[in-house]
Amino acid sequence: ANAGEIPTGLSGITLEATVLINDVNRIGENNMAFTIIGNSQDVSGVALIFYKNKIKIKVGTNEYNWYQQVEIDLNEIGEGKAHNIIGTYDGNYIRMYVDGVLYNQLQVAGTLKDSINNTVMALGANTNGQNPEFGSYANMNMISARVYDRALTAEEVAQNANALQGKKTNKKQHTIK
């Protein structure tokens, strides 16, 4: 991959962002997706996004005609605190973690599809190019962001969440359905 590009054709990837969510009601307003990190326009790429009061990890694979995703309702994790959000794809499962806790997963087999537009990666922006004046912004602060060319294990996710957050997170138990 070139500098700034998310590698494609891989069987695994991790997108990680630590964010302070200030107002869950000002996230993904006006039907606009707000990319935390990555690119998932149309049916390709991979991204962590805010959309309609949810955080989603979207993954486009060569084996599907449309992206696959898992999501978390922001009201479950709350506002006013920093949260470590990690989305992984290991070639078999998409997983979403918050503060080191697995919140959601979906079985999806395949390899990442190449991005089909000019935006290879966005960080804290709307990849469609809309302006904040149109309300397409998230009321949050980006603390850190990382991209890995492999899926982190559950143990690595927990280590990262603990190392980055210390006492800033609102860690709680969550059971996957």
C-alpha atoms as a PDB file:
ATOM      1  CA  ALA A   1       0.000   0.000   0.000  1.00  0.00           C
ATOM      2  CA  ASN A   2       1.046   3.596  -0.578  1.00  0.00           C
ATOM      3  CA  ALA A   3       1.458   6.045   2.292  1.00  0.00           C
ATOM      4  CA  GLY A   4      -1.949   6.906   3.732  1.00  0.00           C
ATOM      5  CA  GLU A   5      -3.626   3.959   2.004  1.00  0.00           C
ATOM      6  CA  ILE A   6      -5.380   1.164   3.846  1.00  0.00           C
ATOM      7  CA  PRO A   7      -3.965  -2.102   2.508  1.00  0.00           C
ATOM      8  CA  THR A   8      -6.463  -4.171   0.506  1.00  0.00           C
ATOM      9  CA  GLY A   9      -6.475  -7.772  -0.621  1.00  0.00           C
ATOM     10  CA  LEU A  10      -5.645  -8.718   2.975  1.00  0.00           C
ATOM     11  CA  SER A  11      -7.491 -11.323   4.953  1.00  0.00           C
ATOM     12  CA  GLY A  12      -7.325  -9.192   8.113  1.00  0.00           C
ATOM     13  CA  ILE A  13      -7.219  -5.591   9.352  1.00  0.00           C
ATOM     14  CA  THR A  14      -7.789  -3.556  12.524  1.00  0.00           C
ATOM     15  CA  LEU A  15      -8.988   0.043  12.773  1.00  0.00           C
ATOM     16  CA  GLU A  16      -8.621   1.660  16.180  1.00  0.00           C
ATOM     17  CA  ALA A  17      -9.656   5.091  17.408  1.00  0.00           C
ATOM     18  CA  THR A  18      -9.849   6.654  20.831  1.00  0.00           C
ATOM     19  CA  VAL A  19     -12.529   9.331  20.848  1.00  0.00           C
ATOM     20  CA  LEU A  20     -14.239  11.601  23.337  1.00  0.00           C
ATOM     21  CA  ILE A  21     -17.923  11.688  22.390  1.00  0.00           C
ATOM     22  CA  ASN A  22     -19.366  15.013  23.511  1.00  0.00           C
ATOM     23  CA  ASP A  23     -22.986  14.655  22.366  1.00  0.00           C
ATOM     24  CA  VAL A  24     -24.495  11.422  21.015  1.00  0.00           C
ATOM     25  CA  ASN A  25     -27.335  13.433  19.453  1.00  0.00           C
ATOM     26  CA  ARG A  26     -24.907  15.330  17.183  1.00  0.00           C
ATOM     27  CA  ILE A  27     -23.348  12.234  15.618  1.00  0.00           C
ATOM     28  CA  GLY A  28     -24.205  11.406  12.003  1.00  0.00           C
ATOM     29  CA  GLU A  29     -27.007  13.940  11.682  1.00  0.00           C
ATOM     30  CA  ASN A  30     -28.813  14.580   8.413  1.00  0.00           C
ATOM     31  CA  ASN A  31     -28.261  11.006   7.217  1.00  0.00           C
ATOM     32  CA  MET A  32     -24.549  11.752   6.794  1.00  0.00           C
ATOM     33  CA  ALA A  33     -21.907   9.169   7.600  1.00  0.00           C
ATOM     34  CA  PHE A  34     -18.893  10.598   9.414  1.00  0.00           C
ATOM     35  CA  THR A  35     -15.715   8.560   9.011  1.00  0.00           C
ATOM     36  CA  ILE A  36     -13.658   8.122  12.151  1.00  0.00           C
ATOM     37  CA  ILE A  37     -10.919   6.317  10.209  1.00  0.00           C
ATOM     38  CA  GLY A  38     -10.820   4.474   6.866  1.00  0.00           C
ATOM     39  CA  ASN A  39     -12.869   4.512   3.668  1.00  0.00           C
ATOM     40  CA  SER A  40     -16.011   2.575   2.864  1.00  0.00           C
ATOM     41  CA  GLN A  41     -17.831   4.519   0.195  1.00  0.00           C
ATOM     42  CA  ASP A  42     -20.132   2.367  -1.872  1.00  0.00           C
ATOM     43  CA  VAL A  43     -19.169  -1.323  -1.575  1.00  0.00           C
ATOM     44  CA  SER A  44     -15.426  -1.263  -1.000  1.00  0.00           C
ATOM     45  CA  GLY A  45     -12.824  -0.585   1.656  1.00  0.00           C
ATOM     46  CA  VAL A  46     -13.072  -0.684   5.428  1.00  0.00           C
ATOM     47  CA  ALA A  47     -13.959   2.044   7.934  1.00  0.00           C
ATOM     48  CA  LEU A  48     -15.082   2.902  11.422  1.00  0.00           C
ATOM     49  CA  ILE A  49     -17.919   5.415  11.017  1.00  0.00           C
ATOM     50  CA  PHE A  50     -20.510   7.360  12.999  1.00  0.00           C
ATOM     51  CA  TYR A  51     -23.982   7.201  11.479  1.00  0.00           C
ATOM     52  CA  LYS A  52     -27.361   8.011  13.045  1.00  0.00           C
ATOM     53  CA  ASN A  53     -26.188   7.718  16.655  1.00  0.00           C
ATOM     54  CA  LYS A  54     -24.303   4.495  15.972  1.00  0.00           C
ATOM     55  CA  ILE A  55     -20.690   3.504  15.510  1.00  0.00           C
ATOM     56  CA  LYS A  56     -20.220   0.979  12.714  1.00  0.00           C
ATOM     57  CA  ILE A  57     -17.372  -0.941  11.187  1.00  0.00           C
ATOM     58  CA  LYS A  58     -18.070  -1.452   7.493  1.00  0.00           C
ATOM     59  CA  VAL A  59     -16.092  -4.006   5.476  1.00  0.00           C
ATOM     60  CA  GLY A  60     -16.196  -4.509   1.717  1.00  0.00           C
ATOM     61  CA  THR A  61     -14.966  -7.940   0.594  1.00  0.00           C
ATOM     62  CA  ASN A  62     -14.426  -9.494  -2.806  1.00  0.00           C
ATOM     63  CA  GLU A  63     -16.951 -12.204  -1.945  1.00  0.00           C
ATOM     64  CA  TYR A  64     -19.975  -9.888  -1.415  1.00  0.00           C
ATOM     65  CA  ASN A  65     -21.676  -7.331  -3.675  1.00  0.00           C
ATOM     66  CA  TRP A  66     -22.310  -4.982  -0.750  1.00  0.00           C
ATOM     67  CA  TYR A  67     -20.384  -4.088   2.400  1.00  0.00           C
ATOM     68  CA  GLN A  68     -21.007  -6.021   5.597  1.00  0.00           C
ATOM     69  CA  GLN A  69     -21.133  -4.273   8.969  1.00  0.00           C
ATOM     70  CA  VAL A  70     -21.591  -4.465  12.703  1.00  0.00           C
ATOM     71  CA  GLU A  71     -22.694  -1.574  14.874  1.00  0.00           C
ATOM     72  CA  ILE A  72     -23.092  -0.257  18.396  1.00  0.00           C
ATOM     73  CA  ASP A  73     -25.718   2.203  19.597  1.00  0.00           C
ATOM     74  CA  LEU A  74     -23.913   5.196  21.111  1.00  0.00           C
ATOM     75  CA  ASN A  75     -26.460   5.364  23.923  1.00  0.00           C
ATOM     76  CA  GLU A  76     -25.069   2.018  25.158  1.00  0.00           C
ATOM     77  CA  ILE A  77     -21.591   3.452  25.673  1.00  0.00           C
ATOM     78  CA  GLY A  78     -22.454   7.036  26.608  1.00  0.00           C
ATOM     79  CA  GLU A  79     -21.012  10.477  26.096  1.00  0.00           C
ATOM     80  CA  GLY A  80     -18.652  12.736  27.979  1.00  0.00           C
ATOM     81  CA  LYS A  81     -15.952  10.079  28.336  1.00  0.00           C
ATOM     82  CA  ALA A  82     -13.117   8.889  26.123  1.00  0.00           C
ATOM     83  CA  HIS A  83     -13.720   5.482  24.546  1.00  0.00           C
ATOM     84  CA  ASN A  84     -11.334   3.164  22.737  1.00  0.00           C
ATOM     85  CA  ILE A  85     -13.198   1.862  19.651  1.00  0.00           C
ATOM     86  CA  ILE A  86     -11.641  -1.069  17.777  1.00  0.00           C
ATOM     87  CA  GLY A  87     -13.000  -2.792  14.687  1.00  0.00           C
ATOM     88  CA  THR A  88     -11.307  -5.951  13.435  1.00  0.00           C
ATOM     89  CA  TYR A  89     -11.733  -8.174  10.412  1.00  0.00           C
ATOM     90  CA  ASP A  90      -9.854 -11.491  10.348  1.00  0.00           C
ATOM     91  CA  GLY A  91     -11.137 -12.926   7.061  1.00  0.00           C
ATOM     92  CA  ASN A  92     -13.928 -14.743   8.902  1.00  0.00           C
ATOM     93  CA  TYR A  93     -15.488 -12.290  11.390  1.00  0.00           C
ATOM     94  CA  ILE A  94     -16.084  -8.563  11.718  1.00  0.00           C
ATOM     95  CA  ARG A  95     -15.810  -7.605  15.399  1.00  0.00           C
ATOM     96  CA  MET A  96     -16.477  -4.349  17.252  1.00  0.00           C
ATOM     97  CA  TYR A  97     -14.901  -3.633  20.634  1.00  0.00           C
ATOM     98  CA  VAL A  98     -15.437  -0.704  22.983  1.00  0.00           C
ATOM     99  CA  ASP A  99     -12.923  -0.172  25.774  1.00  0.00           C
ATOM    100  CA  GLY A 100     -11.587  -3.709  25.273  1.00  0.00           C
ATOM    101  CA  VAL A 101     -15.014  -5.392  25.497  1.00  0.00           C
ATOM    102  CA  LEU A 102     -16.464  -7.247  22.484  1.00  0.00           C
ATOM    103  CA  TYR A 103     -19.845  -5.644  21.698  1.00  0.00           C
ATOM    104  CA  ASN A 104     -20.832  -7.153  18.373  1.00  0.00           C
ATOM    105  CA  GLN A 105     -19.621  -9.571  15.697  1.00  0.00           C
ATOM    106  CA  LEU A 106     -20.718 -10.968  12.336  1.00  0.00           C
ATOM    107  CA  GLN A 107     -19.418 -13.945  10.393  1.00  0.00           C
ATOM    108  CA  VAL A 108     -18.178 -12.746   6.964  1.00  0.00           C
ATOM    109  CA  ALA A 109     -15.592 -14.726   4.977  1.00  0.00           C
ATOM    110  CA  GLY A 110     -13.367 -13.121   2.339  1.00  0.00           C
ATOM    111  CA  THR A 111     -10.582 -10.677   1.487  1.00  0.00           C
ATOM    112  CA  LEU A 112     -10.803  -6.885   1.512  1.00  0.00           C
ATOM    113  CA  LYS A 113     -11.995  -5.274  -1.706  1.00  0.00           C
ATOM    114  CA  ASP A 114      -9.933  -2.441  -3.221  1.00  0.00           C
ATOM    115  CA  SER A 115     -11.333   1.049  -2.724  1.00  0.00           C
ATOM    116  CA  ILE A 116     -13.319   2.111  -5.806  1.00  0.00           C
ATOM    117  CA  ASN A 117     -13.093   5.877  -5.364  1.00  0.00           C
ATOM    118  CA  ASN A 118     -10.422   8.526  -4.985  1.00  0.00           C
ATOM    119  CA  THR A 119     -10.528   8.616  -1.189  1.00  0.00           C
ATOM    120  CA  VAL A 120      -8.152   5.917  -0.027  1.00  0.00           C
ATOM    121  CA  MET A 121      -8.410   6.912   3.629  1.00  0.00           C
ATOM    122  CA  ALA A 122     -10.135   9.570   5.699  1.00  0.00           C
ATOM    123  CA  LEU A 123      -9.497  10.529   9.298  1.00  0.00           C
ATOM    124  CA  GLY A 124     -12.251  12.365  11.148  1.00  0.00           C
ATOM    125  CA  ALA A 125     -14.101  13.562   8.040  1.00  0.00           C
ATOM    126  CA  ASN A 126     -17.063  12.942   5.799  1.00  0.00           C
ATOM    127  CA  THR A 127     -15.605  11.093   2.787  1.00  0.00           C
ATOM    128  CA  ASN A 128     -18.277  12.542   0.504  1.00  0.00           C
ATOM    129  CA  GLY A 129     -16.796  16.004   1.010  1.00  0.00           C
ATOM    130  CA  GLN A 130     -19.693  17.741   2.789  1.00  0.00           C
ATOM    131  CA  ASN A 131     -18.923  20.706   5.018  1.00  0.00           C
ATOM    132  CA  PRO A 132     -19.647  21.172   8.738  1.00  0.00           C
ATOM    133  CA  GLU A 133     -22.038  23.970   7.731  1.00  0.00           C
ATOM    134  CA  PHE A 134     -24.379  21.249   6.441  1.00  0.00           C
ATOM    135  CA  GLY A 135     -24.377  19.525   9.857  1.00  0.00           C
ATOM    136  CA  SER A 136     -22.275  16.577   8.695  1.00  0.00           C
ATOM    137  CA  TYR A 137     -19.888  16.505  11.592  1.00  0.00           C
ATOM    138  CA  ALA A 138     -19.585  14.583  14.801  1.00  0.00           C
ATOM    139  CA  ASN A 139     -19.423  16.363  18.117  1.00  0.00           C
ATOM    140  CA  MET A 140     -16.374  14.452  19.314  1.00  0.00           C
ATOM    141  CA  ASN A 141     -12.641  14.811  19.852  1.00  0.00           C
ATOM    142  CA  MET A 142     -10.213  12.388  18.194  1.00  0.00           C
ATOM    143  CA  ILE A 143      -7.526  11.399  20.695  1.00  0.00           C
ATOM    144  CA  SER A 144      -5.677   8.760  18.679  1.00  0.00           C
ATOM    145  CA  ALA A 145      -6.043   6.517  15.632  1.00  0.00           C
ATOM    146  CA  ARG A 146      -4.225   3.380  14.439  1.00  0.00           C
ATOM    147  CA  VAL A 147      -4.419   0.989  11.485  1.00  0.00           C
ATOM    148  CA  TYR A 148      -3.021  -2.563  11.612  1.00  0.00           C
ATOM    149  CA  ASP A 149      -2.583  -4.849   8.597  1.00  0.00           C
ATOM    150  CA  ARG A 150      -3.951  -7.776  10.608  1.00  0.00           C
ATOM    151  CA  ALA A 151      -6.800  -8.462  13.000  1.00  0.00           C
ATOM    152  CA  LEU A 152      -5.767  -7.934  16.603  1.00  0.00           C
ATOM    153  CA  THR A 153      -6.632 -10.727  19.019  1.00  0.00           C
ATOM    154  CA  ALA A 154      -9.065 -10.135  21.880  1.00  0.00           C
ATOM    155  CA  GLU A 155      -6.081 -10.032  24.252  1.00  0.00           C
ATOM    156  CA  GLU A 156      -4.300  -7.380  22.138  1.00  0.00           C
ATOM    157  CA  VAL A 157      -7.501  -5.325  21.954  1.00  0.00           C
ATOM    158  CA  ALA A 158      -7.799  -5.391  25.757  1.00  0.00           C
ATOM    159  CA  GLN A 159      -4.121  -4.431  26.162  1.00  0.00           C
ATOM    160  CA  ASN A 160      -4.498  -1.484  23.769  1.00  0.00           C
ATOM    161  CA  ALA A 161      -7.671  -0.266  25.469  1.00  0.00           C
ATOM    162  CA  ASN A 162      -6.009  -0.430  28.892  1.00  0.00           C
ATOM    163  CA  ALA A 163      -2.774   1.209  27.723  1.00  0.00           C
ATOM    164  CA  LEU A 164      -4.473   4.080  25.865  1.00  0.00           C
ATOM    165  CA  GLN A 165      -7.233   4.818  28.288  1.00  0.00           C
ATOM    166  CA  GLY A 166      -6.106   4.304  31.827  1.00  0.00           C
ATOM    167  CA  LYS A 167      -8.930   5.697  33.949  1.00  0.00           C
ATOM    168  CA  LYS A 168     -10.559   7.700  31.126  1.00  0.00           C
ATOM    169  CA  THR A 169     -12.901   4.970  29.923  1.00  0.00           C
ATOM    170  CA  ASN A 170     -16.262   3.832  31.141  1.00  0.00           C
ATOM    171  CA  LYS A 171     -15.493   0.105  31.149  1.00  0.00           C
ATOM    172  CA  LYS A 172     -18.504  -2.144  31.590  1.00  0.00           C
ATOM    173  CA  GLN A 173     -19.543  -5.732  30.945  1.00  0.00           C
ATOM    174  CA  HIS A 174     -21.443  -6.559  27.784  1.00  0.00           C
ATOM    175  CA  THR A 175     -22.858  -9.848  26.527  1.00  0.00           C
ATOM    176  CA  ILE A 176     -23.096 -10.508  22.787  1.00  0.00           C
ATOM    177  CA  LYS A 177     -26.417 -11.796  21.538  1.00  0.00           C
END
